[in-house]
Protein backbone atom coordinates (compact mmCIF):
# COMPACT_ATOMS: atom_id res chain seq x y z
CA MET A 1 -8.53 16.22 -2.23
CA ALA A 2 -7.37 14.55 0.97
CA TYR A 3 -4.06 12.76 0.94
CA GLU A 4 -3.59 9.40 2.63
CA THR A 5 -0.58 7.24 3.40
CA TYR A 6 0.00 4.06 1.43
CA THR A 7 2.75 1.53 2.15
CA ALA A 8 4.70 -0.10 -0.67
CA THR A 9 6.93 -3.13 -0.09
CA TYR A 10 9.61 -4.05 -2.61
CA GLU A 11 11.74 -7.15 -3.19
CA ILE A 12 15.10 -6.10 -4.62
CA ASP A 13 17.28 -8.67 -6.41
CA GLY A 14 20.63 -7.02 -6.91
CA GLY A 15 24.18 -7.15 -5.68
CA ALA A 16 26.16 -6.14 -2.63
CA SER A 17 29.76 -5.00 -2.55
CA LYS A 18 32.06 -6.42 0.09
CA GLY A 19 35.28 -4.76 -0.92
CA PHE A 20 36.25 -5.69 -4.46
CA GLY A 21 33.55 -7.22 -6.65
CA ALA A 22 29.92 -7.89 -5.91
CA THR A 23 27.89 -10.77 -4.55
CA PRO A 24 24.20 -11.52 -5.16
CA ASP A 25 21.90 -9.90 -2.63
CA CYS A 26 18.13 -9.93 -2.11
CA ILE A 27 16.57 -7.41 0.25
CA THR A 28 13.13 -6.11 1.18
CA GLU A 29 12.46 -2.39 1.43
CA THR A 30 9.36 -0.48 2.50
CA ALA A 31 8.33 3.05 1.52
CA HIS A 32 5.46 5.26 2.66
CA ILE A 33 3.68 7.20 -0.06
CA LEU A 34 1.38 10.18 0.55
CA VAL A 35 -1.12 10.50 -2.32
CA GLY A 36 -4.83 11.00 -2.99
CA THR A 37 -5.88 7.72 -4.65
CA SER A 38 -4.84 4.08 -4.94
CA VAL A 39 -4.07 4.65 -8.65
CA ASP A 40 -1.70 7.47 -7.71
CA ALA A 41 -0.20 5.20 -5.04
CA PHE A 42 0.57 2.52 -7.63
CA HIS A 43 2.12 5.03 -10.04
CA SER A 44 4.23 6.57 -7.25
CA ALA A 45 5.26 3.11 -6.04
CA MET A 46 6.47 2.21 -9.53
CA MET A 47 8.41 5.47 -9.89
CA ARG A 48 10.11 4.52 -6.60
CA ALA A 49 10.79 0.99 -7.93
CA ARG A 50 12.56 2.43 -10.99
CA GLN A 51 14.66 4.66 -8.71
CA LEU A 52 15.55 1.70 -6.47
CA ALA A 53 16.65 -0.27 -9.54
CA GLN A 54 18.95 2.61 -10.53
CA ASP A 55 20.37 2.98 -7.02
CA HIS A 56 21.28 -0.67 -6.32
CA LEU A 57 24.16 -2.71 -7.69
CA ALA A 58 23.40 -5.37 -10.28
CA ASN A 59 23.30 -9.03 -9.31
CA PRO A 60 26.59 -10.36 -10.72
CA ASN A 61 24.93 -13.66 -11.69
CA THR A 62 22.25 -12.02 -13.85
CA GLY A 63 23.84 -8.69 -14.78
CA ARG A 64 20.76 -6.76 -13.69
CA THR A 65 18.89 -5.30 -10.75
CA THR A 66 15.23 -6.30 -10.47
CA VAL A 67 12.80 -4.51 -8.17
CA ALA A 68 9.34 -6.03 -7.74
CA LEU A 69 6.49 -4.32 -5.93
CA SER A 70 5.38 -7.15 -3.66
CA SER A 71 2.56 -5.39 -1.80
CA LEU A 72 0.71 -2.11 -1.68
CA LEU A 73 -1.34 -1.30 1.40
CA GLY A 74 -3.78 1.56 1.73
CA PRO A 75 -5.01 3.42 4.79
CA GLY A 76 -5.82 1.04 7.64
CA GLY A 77 -3.79 -1.76 6.03
CA ILE A 78 -6.26 -2.38 3.21
CA VAL A 79 -4.65 -4.45 0.45
CA ILE A 80 -4.59 -2.57 -2.86
CA PRO A 81 -4.81 -5.04 -5.78
CA PHE A 82 -2.48 -4.61 -8.76
CA ASP A 83 -1.12 -6.67 -11.64
CA LYS A 84 2.17 -8.07 -10.33
CA SER A 85 3.36 -8.79 -13.88
CA LYS A 86 3.36 -5.01 -14.48
CA ALA A 87 4.92 -4.15 -11.14
CA VAL A 88 8.59 -4.87 -11.92
CA ALA A 89 11.42 -2.46 -12.69
CA THR A 90 14.70 -3.76 -14.13
CA ARG A 91 18.05 -2.15 -14.77
CA HIS A 92 20.70 -3.98 -16.77
CA SER A 93 24.39 -3.46 -16.08
CA LEU A 94 26.48 -2.22 -18.99
CA ALA A 95 28.48 -5.44 -18.98
CA SER A 96 25.34 -7.51 -19.55
CA LEU A 97 24.20 -5.24 -22.39
CA PHE A 98 27.52 -5.09 -24.25
CA GLY A 99 29.01 -8.41 -23.27
CA SER A 100 32.30 -8.98 -21.56
CA ALA A 101 35.01 -6.34 -21.54
CA THR A 102 37.39 -9.06 -22.74
CA PRO A 103 38.07 -8.74 -26.46
CA PRO A 104 36.99 -11.71 -28.59
CA THR A 105 39.62 -14.25 -29.55
CA ALA A 106 40.56 -14.78 -33.20
CA THR A 107 39.32 -17.91 -34.90
CA SER A 108 40.94 -19.72 -37.81
């Protein structure tokens, strides 16, 4: 089987740290994938999306990092179609999963 280069482009909605705390940040990242078929390219692109979600800070406004595969190009720039609703990887921050670290107040 011959391997070919595919290009995946991601939109990452996460956070950026500028000293103490985090601010919302949206960036675009591109990766080159060397595989045999467009199906393998999609699967590899989504494995990379999950890794990107793990590696980036969470958006402090949403408590999560969302990575969407925005395009997948095959050899010669051919557009590879895919279901964009299934091309999203999300990682939630612990704070968003368990609530605030502040203990609840007592009620009467």
